[in-house]
Amino acid sequence: MNVTAAFTRSILLALALAAAGCATTGSSPASSMPAAAPAEGTGRIVFYRISSPIGYGMRPDIMVDGMKVGESAPGTQFPVTVKPGKHLVSVARSLYSGDRKLEVPVRNKEVVYVRTSIGMGSLAGSTDVAIVSAQEGASESAGLEVARP
């Protein structure tokens, strides 16, 4: 085996090991996601982000009504219990100044799904945040790991 081939194989092995190391999140299994409806007098916002190579290393903070509740990490979800009413969600825009803001109305005993993602192209590093239907949110977040607060 020549030196170039050995070097190439070493680089490929190092990249494979690095990718495998990045795949761990330290989160608990999705089965620990609370399945029960929110208690009387409360609602729930479930934040989630599908795993994608775009912006993989970016984990912007998620704020609800000015308080940090978690971060937008790829392949994870987490619930936040809130009182019924309108809540201001803001997520840092990663590579740009400012943040994305979204008003999230939550009714008594309702579960609202909010998907976060990192944009690409001329908006690379821009965090997007959107309310999705309960059906879409439940489907897309199924199997994602539950992030620890």
Protein backbone atom coordinates (compact mmCIF):
# COMPACT_ATOMS: atom_id res chain seq x y z
CA MET A 1 0.00 0.00 0.00
CA ASN A 2 1.44 3.38 -0.95
CA VAL A 3 1.63 6.39 1.36
CA THR A 4 -1.18 8.29 -0.40
CA ALA A 5 -3.64 5.39 -0.07
CA ALA A 6 -2.76 4.91 3.60
CA PHE A 7 -3.19 8.63 4.26
CA THR A 8 -6.56 8.67 2.46
CA ARG A 9 -7.81 5.71 4.48
CA SER A 10 -6.65 7.34 7.72
CA ILE A 11 -8.54 10.53 6.87
CA LEU A 12 -11.71 8.59 5.99
CA LEU A 13 -11.50 6.63 9.24
CA ALA A 14 -11.03 9.82 11.25
CA LEU A 15 -14.04 11.43 9.55
CA ALA A 16 -16.20 8.36 10.21
CA LEU A 17 -15.22 8.34 13.88
CA ALA A 18 -15.88 12.08 14.21
CA ALA A 19 -19.32 11.70 12.62
CA ALA A 20 -20.17 8.84 14.97
CA GLY A 21 -19.13 10.95 17.95
CA CYS A 22 -21.38 13.82 16.85
CA ALA A 23 -24.37 11.52 16.65
CA THR A 24 -24.77 11.22 20.40
CA THR A 25 -27.00 13.80 22.10
CA GLY A 26 -27.13 12.72 25.73
CA SER A 27 -30.91 12.86 25.61
CA SER A 28 -33.37 10.38 26.95
CA PRO A 29 -35.45 8.12 24.71
CA ALA A 30 -38.54 9.52 23.01
CA SER A 31 -40.66 7.07 24.98
CA SER A 32 -40.26 9.35 27.99
CA MET A 33 -42.26 12.09 26.21
CA PRO A 34 -45.42 12.69 28.24
CA ALA A 35 -48.34 11.18 26.34
CA ALA A 36 -51.08 12.36 28.69
CA ALA A 37 -53.06 15.48 27.88
CA PRO A 38 -52.04 18.60 29.79
CA ALA A 39 -53.71 19.09 33.17
CA GLU A 40 -56.72 21.35 33.64
CA GLY A 41 -55.66 25.01 33.59
CA THR A 42 -52.53 24.33 31.50
CA GLY A 43 -51.44 23.71 27.94
CA ARG A 44 -48.26 22.42 26.38
CA ILE A 45 -45.93 23.68 23.68
CA VAL A 46 -43.79 20.94 22.14
CA PHE A 47 -40.66 22.33 20.48
CA TYR A 48 -38.84 20.08 18.04
CA ARG A 49 -36.19 20.13 15.35
CA ILE A 50 -35.74 17.41 12.77
CA SER A 51 -32.17 16.20 12.34
CA SER A 52 -30.48 17.74 9.30
CA PRO A 53 -26.87 18.35 8.26
CA ILE A 54 -27.71 22.03 7.69
CA GLY A 55 -26.73 23.97 10.79
CA TYR A 56 -26.10 20.73 12.70
CA GLY A 57 -23.74 22.37 15.20
CA MET A 58 -26.05 25.33 15.84
CA ARG A 59 -28.23 25.11 18.94
CA PRO A 60 -29.89 28.50 19.46
CA ASP A 61 -31.74 29.20 22.71
CA ILE A 62 -35.53 29.04 22.75
CA MET A 63 -37.28 31.61 24.92
CA VAL A 64 -40.93 31.64 26.01
CA ASP A 65 -42.19 34.93 27.42
CA GLY A 66 -38.58 36.06 27.98
CA MET A 67 -37.40 32.93 29.82
CA LYS A 68 -35.05 30.32 28.34
CA VAL A 69 -36.83 26.97 28.15
CA GLY A 70 -34.32 25.00 26.07
CA GLU A 71 -32.41 25.02 22.83
CA SER A 72 -33.12 24.12 19.23
CA ALA A 73 -30.95 21.03 18.79
CA PRO A 74 -31.21 18.71 15.78
CA GLY A 75 -33.11 15.46 16.31
CA THR A 76 -34.68 16.52 19.60
CA GLN A 77 -37.99 17.61 21.09
CA PHE A 78 -39.07 18.91 24.47
CA PRO A 79 -42.39 19.97 26.03
CA VAL A 80 -43.04 23.18 27.95
CA THR A 81 -46.12 23.47 30.17
CA VAL A 82 -47.76 26.90 29.99
CA LYS A 83 -50.94 28.61 31.14
CA PRO A 84 -53.64 29.09 28.50
CA GLY A 85 -53.23 32.31 26.53
CA LYS A 86 -50.82 33.88 24.06
CA HIS A 87 -47.11 33.27 24.56
CA LEU A 88 -44.20 35.00 22.84
CA VAL A 89 -41.65 32.52 21.53
CA SER A 90 -38.30 33.84 20.35
CA VAL A 91 -35.33 31.95 18.96
CA ALA A 92 -31.90 33.46 18.30
CA ARG A 93 -31.06 33.75 14.60
CA SER A 94 -27.62 32.08 15.07
CA LEU A 95 -25.40 33.87 12.54
CA TYR A 96 -27.46 37.07 12.33
CA SER A 97 -28.34 39.65 14.93
CA GLY A 98 -31.79 39.61 16.45
CA ASP A 99 -34.16 36.70 16.76
CA ARG A 100 -37.24 35.14 15.23
CA LYS A 101 -40.42 35.83 17.15
CA LEU A 102 -43.70 33.99 17.05
CA GLU A 103 -46.89 34.46 19.04
CA VAL A 104 -48.20 31.05 20.10
CA PRO A 105 -51.80 30.86 21.32
CA VAL A 106 -52.46 27.91 23.65
CA ARG A 107 -55.90 26.87 24.87
CA ASN A 108 -56.74 24.92 28.02
CA LYS A 109 -55.48 21.29 27.77
CA GLU A 110 -54.17 21.91 24.22
CA VAL A 111 -50.84 20.71 22.81
CA VAL A 112 -49.27 23.06 20.25
CA TYR A 113 -46.31 21.94 18.13
CA VAL A 114 -43.58 24.42 17.18
CA ARG A 115 -40.96 23.31 14.65
CA THR A 116 -37.58 25.02 14.55
CA SER A 117 -35.05 24.69 11.73
CA ILE A 118 -31.89 26.30 10.41
CA GLY A 119 -32.14 27.98 6.99
CA MET A 120 -29.59 27.61 4.20
CA GLY A 121 -28.38 29.54 1.16
CA SER A 122 -28.16 33.30 1.54
CA LEU A 123 -29.95 32.89 4.89
CA ALA A 124 -27.61 30.20 6.24
CA GLY A 125 -27.62 30.25 10.00
CA SER A 126 -31.04 31.87 10.18
CA THR A 127 -33.29 30.03 12.60
CA ASP A 128 -36.86 29.51 11.46
CA VAL A 129 -39.73 28.85 13.86
CA ALA A 130 -43.30 27.88 12.92
CA ILE A 131 -46.48 26.51 14.44
CA VAL A 132 -47.51 23.28 12.70
CA SER A 133 -50.71 21.26 12.91
CA ALA A 134 -51.02 18.77 15.75
CA GLN A 135 -51.04 15.92 13.23
CA GLU A 136 -47.91 17.14 11.42
CA GLY A 137 -46.09 17.95 14.66
CA ALA A 138 -46.88 14.60 16.26
CA SER A 139 -45.78 12.78 13.10
CA GLU A 140 -42.55 14.72 12.59
CA SER A 141 -41.52 14.62 16.25
CA ALA A 142 -42.30 10.92 16.73
CA GLY A 143 -39.04 9.11 17.40
CA LEU A 144 -37.04 12.25 18.18
CA GLU A 145 -35.13 12.19 21.43
CA VAL A 146 -36.47 14.17 24.35
CA ALA A 147 -33.94 16.83 25.31
CA ARG A 148 -33.17 17.37 28.97
CA PRO A 149 -33.89 20.88 30.26
